[in-house]
Amino acid sequence: MPKKRTYSTGPYRERAILVGVNIRNTEEIWQLEDSLAELSELARAAGANPVIRFTQSMNKPSPTYLGKGKIEELKQAVKREDIDTVIFDDELSPNQQRILEEKLSVKVIDRTALILDVFAQRARSREGRLQIELAQTEYLLPRLAGQWSHLERLGGGVGTRGPGETQIETDRRLVRRKLSRVKKELSQIRSQRDQQRQLRTSGTSKIISLVGYTNAGKSALFNKITSSGVIQRNQLFSTLDTTTRRMYMPSGIEATISDTVGFVHKLPPILIAAFRATLEEALEADLLIQVTDVSSPYAAEQVVVVSNQLSEMGIGDTPKILVLNKLDLMIETEYQPLDLEVIENIDTAEFNRVVTTSATKSWGIKDLRNAVESELNIPGDATSTNLIASNA
């Protein structure tokens, strides 16, 4: 009797090569291998199957991203491994992307396009979809010429004048019109948010914002603090829409707290700009609670990435509490000492306080409430046993 064959009925996952470069004598927060490890996570989140990592060390950036010899090696690897997509760890210029696609004869995308793709999959609300649409359109506009590169390769002249140029100009006009429409709609949303914020914060109510690296457990922590039911998943960018709730201090005084979109290494500036309406809550906050996954091997680097991006947004000086979350993945009981080496690797100098928590096991939630009350200078019992550092 012949053996039965089994066939996969799941969605096809594009086979991908991940490519990154290391520029010698430059300071980077992340090692190249660590950055590619995160790129691999992003690729899987987007539905790809990363099968190879490809790296090169260079003295200075190349106009073609990789050297001529490395591009040839990559081309051979693409054929040998039956690759569908090549994903680059940095944002490519439109010219770089066009050249690489010509050389490799497969789809080429960069880190920015990959992050935008993951965001597009996660967006659920109209606001979230509009913000993604804005970022994707901003990204597409300077790359439109590449869509018509087949005309350029014909060398111009007879048979190439007129229609090609007319089409690309038409495309640009349509894209600019689309940008104008999306920006107008987002401006209306921002105005509505401003009105809602004014109603919520009328009087002396304080504003608190949860910020942090993606998948650090912000939504789980938010749910514990506010007894809410915000969606929480163990995945990148599960939160794309800001949710605001009331938070009651140990003394009974209330404040408003918002859960915001997570940050990531090399987060595209166009994405920060597009999500400005969502991040507005953080811009207006009296206190930031910066959450990091203490169990991550990249915890120290993630703290630096978030702090740098907050500074670029102009809110680096807002008072901050650092929350080291997912403590249950490091220790077995709430009051078991945490390895000091973990803390020593994290630069805590800019934070007023550091609190350890486990949102899933409710560890440290009371300590966090007390720390928040103390930082907001609200009269009440601000004592805590779980504050492992204080620079106040």
Protein backbone atom coordinates (compact mmCIF):
# COMPACT_ATOMS: atom_id res chain seq x y z
CA MET A 1 0.00 0.00 0.00
CA PRO A 2 1.56 3.34 -1.03
CA LYS A 3 2.49 5.77 1.70
CA LYS A 4 0.19 8.72 2.16
CA ARG A 5 1.61 12.14 1.44
CA THR A 6 0.83 15.13 3.60
CA TYR A 7 0.52 18.59 2.13
CA SER A 8 0.71 21.93 3.89
CA THR A 9 -2.57 23.80 3.70
CA GLY A 10 -1.34 26.88 5.56
CA PRO A 11 -0.48 30.18 3.88
CA TYR A 12 2.74 30.21 1.85
CA ARG A 13 5.56 31.98 3.66
CA GLU A 14 7.98 33.75 1.32
CA ARG A 15 11.54 32.48 1.63
CA ALA A 16 13.73 35.42 2.57
CA ILE A 17 17.37 36.37 2.98
CA LEU A 18 18.16 39.02 5.61
CA VAL A 19 20.98 41.40 4.73
CA GLY A 20 22.85 43.85 6.95
CA VAL A 21 26.08 45.83 6.88
CA ASN A 22 28.47 46.92 9.59
CA ILE A 23 30.27 50.22 9.01
CA ARG A 24 33.61 50.11 10.79
CA ASN A 25 34.55 52.82 13.32
CA THR A 26 30.94 53.91 13.88
CA GLU A 27 29.12 53.70 17.19
CA GLU A 28 25.96 51.63 17.13
CA ILE A 29 23.61 50.82 20.01
CA TRP A 30 23.01 47.34 18.59
CA GLN A 31 25.47 44.79 17.26
CA LEU A 32 24.71 43.75 13.67
CA GLU A 33 23.75 40.20 14.67
CA ASP A 34 21.32 41.54 17.28
CA SER A 35 19.75 43.91 14.75
CA LEU A 36 19.34 41.04 12.27
CA ALA A 37 17.78 38.88 15.00
CA GLU A 38 15.10 41.53 15.47
CA LEU A 39 14.73 41.88 11.70
CA SER A 40 14.08 38.14 11.63
CA GLU A 41 11.27 38.58 14.19
CA LEU A 42 9.77 41.37 12.09
CA ALA A 43 10.00 39.22 8.95
CA ARG A 44 8.18 36.35 10.63
CA ALA A 45 5.54 38.76 11.93
CA ALA A 46 5.00 39.90 8.32
CA GLY A 47 4.58 36.30 7.13
CA ALA A 48 8.05 35.62 5.68
CA ASN A 49 10.35 32.69 6.37
CA PRO A 50 13.92 33.97 6.92
CA VAL A 51 16.30 31.19 5.86
CA ILE A 52 19.71 32.94 5.61
CA ARG A 53 21.46 35.96 7.12
CA PHE A 54 23.95 37.75 4.91
CA THR A 55 26.39 40.37 6.30
CA GLN A 56 29.28 42.55 5.20
CA SER A 57 31.70 44.83 7.07
CA MET A 58 32.64 48.01 5.21
CA ASN A 59 34.80 51.06 5.80
CA LYS A 60 32.09 53.41 4.52
CA PRO A 61 28.52 53.15 3.19
CA SER A 62 28.20 51.97 -0.41
CA PRO A 63 25.96 53.60 -3.05
CA THR A 64 24.70 50.05 -3.78
CA TYR A 65 24.48 49.11 -0.06
CA LEU A 66 26.74 46.07 -0.64
CA GLY A 67 30.02 45.78 -2.50
CA LYS A 68 30.08 44.42 -6.06
CA GLY A 69 31.49 41.04 -5.00
CA LYS A 70 28.96 40.63 -2.16
CA ILE A 71 26.08 41.42 -4.49
CA GLU A 72 27.27 38.61 -6.76
CA GLU A 73 27.48 36.24 -3.75
CA LEU A 74 23.99 37.28 -2.73
CA LYS A 75 22.71 36.69 -6.26
CA GLN A 76 24.05 33.13 -6.18
CA ALA A 77 22.49 32.52 -2.75
CA VAL A 78 19.13 33.76 -4.05
CA LYS A 79 19.23 31.18 -6.87
CA ARG A 80 20.60 28.36 -4.73
CA GLU A 81 18.07 28.75 -1.91
CA ASP A 82 15.07 29.53 -4.13
CA ILE A 83 14.57 32.91 -2.44
CA ASP A 84 11.46 35.03 -3.02
CA THR A 85 12.43 38.18 -1.12
CA VAL A 86 15.60 39.89 0.08
CA ILE A 87 15.11 42.08 3.16
CA PHE A 88 17.69 44.76 4.01
CA ASP A 89 18.24 45.90 7.60
CA ASP A 90 18.37 49.62 6.73
CA GLU A 91 16.22 51.94 4.67
CA LEU A 92 17.32 51.81 1.05
CA SER A 93 17.30 54.84 -1.21
CA PRO A 94 15.02 54.50 -4.25
CA ASN A 95 18.12 54.16 -6.44
CA GLN A 96 19.65 51.46 -4.24
CA GLN A 97 16.43 49.47 -4.29
CA ARG A 98 16.15 49.72 -8.08
CA ILE A 99 19.75 48.59 -8.64
CA LEU A 100 19.47 45.68 -6.21
CA GLU A 101 16.22 44.45 -7.78
CA GLU A 102 17.86 44.58 -11.22
CA LYS A 103 20.89 42.64 -9.97
CA LEU A 104 19.03 40.04 -7.89
CA SER A 105 15.89 39.61 -10.03
CA VAL A 106 13.69 39.13 -6.93
CA LYS A 107 11.63 41.37 -4.69
CA VAL A 108 13.77 43.70 -2.56
CA ILE A 109 12.39 45.44 0.51
CA ASP A 110 14.03 47.36 3.33
CA ARG A 111 13.45 47.52 7.09
CA THR A 112 11.09 50.48 6.72
CA ALA A 113 8.83 48.68 4.24
CA LEU A 114 8.84 45.60 6.47
CA ILE A 115 7.80 47.56 9.57
CA LEU A 116 5.08 49.33 7.57
CA ASP A 117 3.81 45.92 6.42
CA VAL A 118 3.60 44.62 10.00
CA PHE A 119 1.81 47.80 11.09
CA ALA A 120 -0.65 47.44 8.19
CA GLN A 121 -1.51 43.90 9.32
CA ARG A 122 -2.09 45.04 12.91
CA ALA A 123 -4.15 48.20 12.19
CA ARG A 124 -7.78 47.75 13.18
CA SER A 125 -9.32 51.19 13.78
CA ARG A 126 -9.93 53.77 11.08
CA GLU A 127 -7.36 56.04 12.71
CA GLY A 128 -4.74 53.29 12.71
CA ARG A 129 -5.39 52.45 9.06
CA LEU A 130 -5.23 56.12 8.07
CA GLN A 131 -1.91 56.57 9.83
CA ILE A 132 -0.46 53.52 8.07
CA GLU A 133 -1.85 54.75 4.76
CA LEU A 134 -0.11 58.10 5.31
CA ALA A 135 3.24 56.49 6.13
CA GLN A 136 3.07 54.04 3.21
CA THR A 137 2.14 56.80 0.78
CA GLU A 138 4.97 59.04 2.02
CA TYR A 139 7.32 56.09 1.55
CA LEU A 140 6.02 55.35 -1.96
CA LEU A 141 6.17 58.87 -3.40
CA PRO A 142 9.96 59.14 -3.95
CA ARG A 143 10.00 55.55 -5.29
CA LEU A 144 7.48 56.06 -8.09
CA ALA A 145 10.19 56.61 -10.69
CA GLY A 146 11.44 53.07 -10.04
CA GLN A 147 8.04 51.71 -11.00
CA TRP A 148 8.70 53.04 -14.52
CA SER A 149 12.38 52.06 -14.77
CA HIS A 150 11.58 49.74 -17.69
CA LEU A 151 11.12 52.89 -19.80
CA GLU A 152 14.45 54.30 -18.64
CA ARG A 153 16.25 51.09 -19.64
CA LEU A 154 14.95 51.50 -23.18
CA GLY A 155 17.16 54.55 -23.41
CA GLY A 156 14.52 57.15 -24.18
CA GLY A 157 13.84 58.39 -27.70
CA VAL A 158 11.38 56.82 -30.12
CA GLY A 159 8.59 54.90 -28.47
CA THR A 160 9.35 56.12 -24.93
CA ARG A 161 8.39 59.79 -25.00
CA GLY A 162 5.08 61.07 -23.71
CA PRO A 163 3.05 58.21 -22.22
CA GLY A 164 5.68 57.11 -19.71
CA GLU A 165 6.37 60.61 -18.48
CA THR A 166 2.68 61.43 -18.48
CA GLN A 167 1.89 58.32 -16.46
CA ILE A 168 4.52 58.96 -13.79
CA GLU A 169 3.35 62.56 -13.43
CA THR A 170 -0.23 61.30 -13.18
CA ASP A 171 0.82 58.81 -10.52
CA ARG A 172 2.59 61.51 -8.53
CA ARG A 173 -0.43 63.78 -8.76
CA LEU A 174 -2.74 61.00 -7.58
CA VAL A 175 -0.40 60.13 -4.70
CA ARG A 176 -0.13 63.77 -3.62
CA ARG A 177 -3.91 64.08 -3.75
CA LYS A 178 -4.18 60.96 -1.59
CA LEU A 179 -1.65 62.41 0.88
CA SER A 180 -3.66 65.61 1.12
CA ARG A 181 -6.87 63.67 1.83
CA VAL A 182 -5.32 61.45 4.50
CA LYS A 183 -3.61 64.37 6.23
CA LYS A 184 -6.91 66.28 6.30
CA GLU A 185 -8.73 63.32 7.89
CA LEU A 186 -5.94 62.83 10.45
CA SER A 187 -6.03 66.54 11.26
CA GLN A 188 -9.74 66.18 12.09
CA ILE A 189 -8.98 63.18 14.31
CA ARG A 190 -6.23 65.14 16.06
CA SER A 191 -8.66 67.99 16.70
CA GLN A 192 -11.19 65.55 18.18
CA ARG A 193 -8.46 64.06 20.39
CA ASP A 194 -7.51 67.52 21.65
CA GLN A 195 -11.14 68.21 22.60
CA GLN A 196 -11.48 64.82 24.33
CA ARG A 197 -8.21 65.38 26.21
CA GLN A 198 -9.35 68.79 27.43
CA LEU A 199 -12.59 67.28 28.74
CA ARG A 200 -10.72 64.44 30.47
CA THR A 201 -8.07 66.63 32.03
CA SER A 202 -10.20 69.58 33.05
CA GLY A 203 -9.22 70.77 36.50
CA THR A 204 -6.19 69.26 38.24
CA SER A 205 -6.27 65.76 36.73
CA LYS A 206 -2.77 64.53 35.83
CA ILE A 207 -1.87 62.82 32.53
CA ILE A 208 0.22 59.63 32.52
CA SER A 209 1.41 57.81 29.42
CA LEU A 210 2.73 54.28 29.05
CA VAL A 211 5.58 54.13 26.53
CA GLY A 212 8.16 51.52 25.69
CA TYR A 213 9.55 48.98 23.30
CA THR A 214 7.13 46.85 21.32
CA ASN A 215 6.04 43.63 23.06
CA ALA A 216 7.31 44.84 26.45
CA GLY A 217 3.92 44.13 28.06
CA LYS A 218 2.54 47.68 28.12
CA SER A 219 -1.04 46.63 27.37
CA ALA A 220 -0.98 43.88 30.00
CA LEU A 221 0.32 46.39 32.55
CA PHE A 222 -2.29 48.92 31.44
CA ASN A 223 -5.04 46.36 32.00
CA LYS A 224 -3.79 45.57 35.50
CA ILE A 225 -3.54 49.22 36.52
CA THR A 226 -6.94 50.22 35.14
CA SER A 227 -8.89 46.92 35.26
CA SER A 228 -9.46 47.25 31.52
CA GLY A 229 -9.72 44.73 28.71
CA VAL A 230 -7.36 46.21 26.12
CA ILE A 231 -6.14 43.54 23.64
CA GLN A 232 -2.83 42.09 24.80
CA ARG A 233 -0.86 39.63 22.71
CA ASN A 234 2.66 38.29 22.74
CA GLN A 235 3.47 39.81 19.37
CA LEU A 236 5.13 42.85 17.85
CA PHE A 237 2.96 45.98 17.57
CA SER A 238 -0.24 44.54 19.03
CA THR A 239 -1.18 48.11 20.09
CA LEU A 240 -1.49 50.73 17.33
CA ASP A 241 -4.30 52.84 18.80
CA THR A 242 -4.09 54.91 21.95
CA THR A 243 -6.48 53.86 24.73
CA THR A 244 -7.07 56.16 27.70
CA ARG A 245 -8.60 55.19 31.06
CA ARG A 246 -8.86 56.57 34.56
CA MET A 247 -6.28 55.43 37.09
CA TYR A 248 -6.91 55.72 40.81
CA MET A 249 -4.05 56.39 43.20
CA PRO A 250 -3.73 54.67 46.60
CA SER A 251 -5.08 57.89 48.13
CA GLY A 252 -8.18 57.68 45.89
CA ILE A 253 -7.22 60.62 43.67
CA GLU A 254 -7.65 59.92 39.97
CA ALA A 255 -5.47 60.58 36.91
CA THR A 256 -5.74 59.57 33.25
CA ILE A 257 -3.38 56.99 31.78
CA SER A 258 -2.87 56.12 28.10
CA ASP A 259 -1.47 53.01 26.40
CA THR A 260 0.50 53.97 23.27
CA VAL A 261 2.10 52.34 20.23
CA GLY A 262 5.42 50.59 20.90
CA PHE A 263 8.80 51.68 19.58
CA VAL A 264 11.38 49.58 17.76
CA HIS A 265 15.03 49.84 16.68
CA LYS A 266 15.39 51.96 13.52
CA LEU A 267 11.75 53.03 13.67
CA PRO A 268 11.16 54.99 10.44
CA PRO A 269 10.74 58.76 10.98
CA ILE A 270 7.78 58.76 8.56
CA LEU A 271 6.04 56.32 10.89
CA ILE A 272 6.60 58.52 13.95
CA ALA A 273 5.27 61.48 11.95
CA ALA A 274 2.24 59.52 10.74
CA PHE A 275 1.42 58.32 14.26
CA ARG A 276 1.76 61.76 15.80
CA ALA A 277 -1.98 61.87 16.53
CA THR A 278 -1.65 58.62 18.47
CA LEU A 279 1.53 59.73 20.26
CA GLU A 280 -0.05 63.07 21.18
CA GLU A 281 -1.01 61.61 24.57
CA ALA A 282 2.66 61.03 25.38
CA LEU A 283 3.56 64.57 24.24
CA GLU A 284 1.07 66.04 26.73
CA ALA A 285 1.90 63.74 29.66
CA ASP A 286 2.94 64.92 33.13
CA LEU A 287 4.63 61.55 33.70
CA LEU A 288 5.91 58.79 31.42
CA ILE A 289 5.98 55.16 32.51
CA GLN A 290 8.62 53.57 30.29
CA VAL A 291 8.13 49.80 30.13
CA THR A 292 10.81 47.31 29.11
CA ASP A 293 10.92 43.52 29.01
CA VAL A 294 13.54 42.73 31.65
CA SER A 295 13.78 39.14 30.39
CA SER A 296 14.91 40.24 26.92
CA PRO A 297 18.63 39.84 26.20
CA TYR A 298 18.39 43.26 24.55
CA ALA A 299 16.70 45.03 27.50
CA ALA A 300 19.49 47.59 27.95
CA GLU A 301 19.55 48.43 24.24
CA GLN A 302 15.76 48.71 24.11
CA VAL A 303 15.75 51.22 26.96
CA VAL A 304 18.27 53.37 25.05
CA VAL A 305 16.28 53.13 21.79
CA VAL A 306 13.05 54.29 23.45
CA SER A 307 14.78 57.07 25.40
CA ASN A 308 16.45 58.37 22.23
CA GLN A 309 13.18 58.35 20.30
CA LEU A 310 11.39 60.18 23.13
CA SER A 311 14.14 62.81 23.05
CA GLU A 312 13.72 63.18 19.28
CA MET A 313 10.01 63.79 19.91
CA GLY A 314 10.91 66.57 22.34
CA ILE A 315 9.74 64.83 25.52
CA GLY A 316 13.03 63.43 26.78
CA ASP A 317 12.87 65.71 29.83
CA THR A 318 9.39 64.63 30.95
CA PRO A 319 9.65 62.86 34.36
CA LYS A 320 9.96 59.11 33.81
CA ILE A 321 9.56 55.90 35.80
CA LEU A 322 11.30 52.86 34.34
CA VAL A 323 9.27 49.65 34.73
CA LEU A 324 11.15 46.37 34.33
CA ASN A 325 8.26 44.12 33.36
CA LYS A 326 7.94 40.33 32.80
CA LEU A 327 9.78 39.70 36.07
CA ASP A 328 8.11 36.27 36.29
CA LEU A 329 10.30 35.12 33.39
CA MET A 330 13.40 35.84 35.50
CA ILE A 331 12.46 34.68 39.01
CA GLU A 332 9.98 32.23 40.53
CA THR A 333 8.50 34.30 43.39
CA GLU A 334 7.68 38.00 43.72
CA TYR A 335 10.22 38.82 46.40
CA GLN A 336 13.05 36.67 45.11
CA PRO A 337 16.07 38.96 44.45
CA LEU A 338 16.70 39.86 40.81
CA ASP A 339 20.23 39.33 39.54
CA LEU A 340 21.93 42.70 40.01
CA GLU A 341 23.89 42.20 36.80
CA VAL A 342 20.63 42.60 34.88
CA ILE A 343 20.03 46.01 36.48
CA GLU A 344 23.62 47.15 36.21
CA ASN A 345 23.56 46.70 32.43
CA ILE A 346 20.67 49.18 32.13
CA ASP A 347 21.40 52.90 32.28
CA THR A 348 18.86 54.19 34.83
CA ALA A 349 20.38 57.67 35.34
CA GLU A 350 17.59 59.53 33.50
CA PHE A 351 14.76 57.85 35.46
CA ASN A 352 13.31 59.17 38.70
CA ARG A 353 12.50 55.63 39.85
CA VAL A 354 12.82 52.04 38.71
CA VAL A 355 10.07 49.54 39.54
CA THR A 356 9.99 45.80 38.85
CA THR A 357 6.68 44.21 37.83
CA SER A 358 5.01 41.17 36.37
CA ALA A 359 1.73 42.18 34.75
CA THR A 360 0.69 38.55 34.26
CA LYS A 361 1.16 37.72 37.96
CA SER A 362 0.23 41.16 39.36
CA TRP A 363 3.65 41.56 40.98
CA GLY A 364 4.69 45.12 41.80
CA ILE A 365 1.41 46.77 40.73
CA LYS A 366 0.86 48.38 44.14
CA ASP A 367 4.47 49.57 44.17
CA LEU A 368 3.98 51.13 40.75
CA ARG A 369 0.84 52.97 41.90
CA ASN A 370 2.73 54.31 44.90
CA ALA A 371 5.65 55.40 42.73
CA VAL A 372 3.30 57.21 40.33
CA GLU A 373 1.54 58.99 43.19
CA SER A 374 4.87 60.09 44.62
CA GLU A 375 6.20 61.38 41.29
CA LEU A 376 3.04 63.36 40.63
CA ASN A 377 3.39 64.91 44.11
CA ILE A 378 -0.10 63.78 45.08
CA PRO A 379 -0.51 63.58 48.88
CA GLY A 380 -0.88 59.99 49.99
CA ASP A 381 1.01 56.87 51.01
CA ALA A 382 3.91 56.82 48.58
CA THR A 383 5.99 54.21 50.37
CA SER A 384 7.18 51.20 48.41
CA THR A 385 9.23 48.08 48.97
CA ASN A 386 9.89 47.28 45.33
CA LEU A 387 11.66 50.43 44.15
CA ILE A 388 15.08 49.07 43.26
CA ALA A 389 16.56 52.42 42.30
CA SER A 390 15.71 56.04 42.90
CA ASN A 391 17.41 59.10 41.50
CA ALA A 392 14.80 61.54 42.75
